[in-house]
Amino acid sequence: MTSNSGKITLRDNEAAQQYEVYVDGELVGYAGYRPLENARELPHTEMNSQYMGQGLGSKLVQFALDDLRKRGLNVVPTCPFIADYIGKHPEYQDLVQG
């Protein structure tokens, strides 16, 4: 995956309990999580300011939500950015733990 910025890599860093986005091997953003029973709470997303506005935050959230779906887990989106993303992408509404 590439962008104007370079090669984009997305991963789940379970040791740090966060989904991460890298550009050319440099960590430029993350979405922290807290494991819950049958779900993960996503309370905070952070992006390096020089990479804001390039869609990397949305790619990161999509990766996290797709990963949760693959794992059969729900999401508790307490981060406003993630909650807003889910609101704009109804295909992820079914993951939200009620």
Protein backbone atom coordinates (compact mmCIF):
# COMPACT_ATOMS: atom_id res chain seq x y z
CA MET A 1 0.00 0.00 0.00
CA THR A 2 1.47 3.39 -0.93
CA SER A 3 0.48 7.04 -0.71
CA ASN A 4 2.00 10.37 -1.64
CA SER A 5 3.96 10.02 1.58
CA GLY A 6 5.46 6.59 0.85
CA LYS A 7 4.83 2.95 1.71
CA ILE A 8 2.04 2.48 4.26
CA THR A 9 2.06 -0.45 6.68
CA LEU A 10 -0.75 -1.23 9.14
CA ARG A 11 -0.42 -3.63 12.07
CA ASP A 12 -1.89 -4.71 15.39
CA ASN A 13 0.76 -4.28 18.10
CA GLU A 14 -0.81 -6.47 20.76
CA ALA A 15 2.05 -5.88 23.21
CA ALA A 16 1.35 -2.12 23.16
CA GLN A 17 -2.44 -2.67 22.76
CA GLN A 18 -2.70 -0.45 19.71
CA TYR A 19 -3.26 -0.53 15.99
CA GLU A 20 -0.43 1.26 14.23
CA VAL A 21 0.18 2.95 10.88
CA TYR A 22 3.69 3.33 9.48
CA VAL A 23 4.94 5.34 6.53
CA ASP A 24 8.26 4.11 5.13
CA GLY A 25 8.87 2.21 8.38
CA GLU A 26 8.20 5.20 10.67
CA LEU A 27 5.34 4.99 13.18
CA VAL A 28 3.10 7.96 12.33
CA GLY A 29 -0.14 7.13 14.12
CA TYR A 30 -1.97 4.68 16.32
CA ALA A 31 -5.37 3.77 17.73
CA GLY A 32 -5.09 2.47 21.27
CA TYR A 33 -7.40 -0.25 22.53
CA ARG A 34 -8.49 -1.93 25.72
CA PRO A 35 -9.50 -5.59 25.58
CA LEU A 36 -12.99 -6.30 26.91
CA GLU A 37 -15.03 -9.48 26.95
CA ASN A 38 -15.93 -10.16 23.29
CA ALA A 39 -14.88 -6.62 22.29
CA ARG A 40 -12.16 -4.00 22.24
CA GLU A 41 -12.69 -0.45 23.43
CA LEU A 42 -11.03 2.06 21.11
CA PRO A 43 -10.59 5.14 23.34
CA HIS A 44 -7.92 7.18 21.56
CA THR A 45 -6.43 7.82 18.13
CA GLU A 46 -3.26 9.83 17.57
CA MET A 47 -1.66 10.91 14.29
CA ASN A 48 1.64 12.69 13.68
CA SER A 49 0.63 16.23 12.65
CA GLN A 50 2.63 16.17 9.40
CA TYR A 51 0.52 13.20 8.21
CA MET A 52 -2.90 14.60 9.14
CA GLY A 53 -5.36 15.18 6.32
CA GLN A 54 -3.92 12.40 4.14
CA GLY A 55 -6.52 9.77 4.99
CA LEU A 56 -4.16 7.69 7.11
CA GLY A 57 -6.40 7.94 10.17
CA SER A 58 -9.31 6.55 8.17
CA LYS A 59 -7.13 3.72 6.81
CA LEU A 60 -6.06 2.93 10.37
CA VAL A 61 -9.64 2.83 11.67
CA GLN A 62 -10.78 0.69 8.73
CA PHE A 63 -7.90 -1.73 9.39
CA ALA A 64 -8.80 -1.91 13.11
CA LEU A 65 -12.49 -2.53 12.42
CA ASP A 66 -11.75 -5.15 9.76
CA ASP A 67 -9.40 -6.87 12.22
CA LEU A 68 -12.08 -6.90 14.93
CA ARG A 69 -14.59 -8.36 12.47
CA LYS A 70 -12.10 -11.12 11.52
CA ARG A 71 -11.59 -11.93 15.21
CA GLY A 72 -15.34 -12.03 15.89
CA LEU A 73 -15.05 -9.11 18.32
CA ASN A 74 -17.24 -6.06 18.77
CA VAL A 75 -16.05 -2.48 19.17
CA VAL A 76 -16.75 0.10 21.86
CA PRO A 77 -15.82 3.33 20.01
CA THR A 78 -15.21 5.87 22.80
CA CYS A 79 -12.77 7.82 20.61
CA PRO A 80 -14.75 10.58 18.82
CA PHE A 81 -12.79 10.10 15.57
CA ILE A 82 -13.59 6.37 15.49
CA ALA A 83 -17.24 6.91 16.46
CA ASP A 84 -17.51 9.51 13.65
CA TYR A 85 -15.91 7.10 11.16
CA ILE A 86 -18.42 4.37 12.06
CA GLY A 87 -21.25 6.89 11.71
CA LYS A 88 -20.11 7.65 8.16
CA HIS A 89 -19.56 3.95 7.28
CA PRO A 90 -22.74 2.03 8.15
CA GLU A 91 -21.13 -1.27 7.07
CA TYR A 92 -19.39 -1.23 10.49
CA GLN A 93 -22.50 -0.44 12.60
CA ASP A 94 -23.02 -4.14 13.36
CA LEU A 95 -19.69 -4.22 15.23
CA VAL A 96 -20.71 -1.61 17.79
CA GLN A 97 -21.38 -3.20 21.14
CA GLY A 98 -24.69 -1.94 22.50
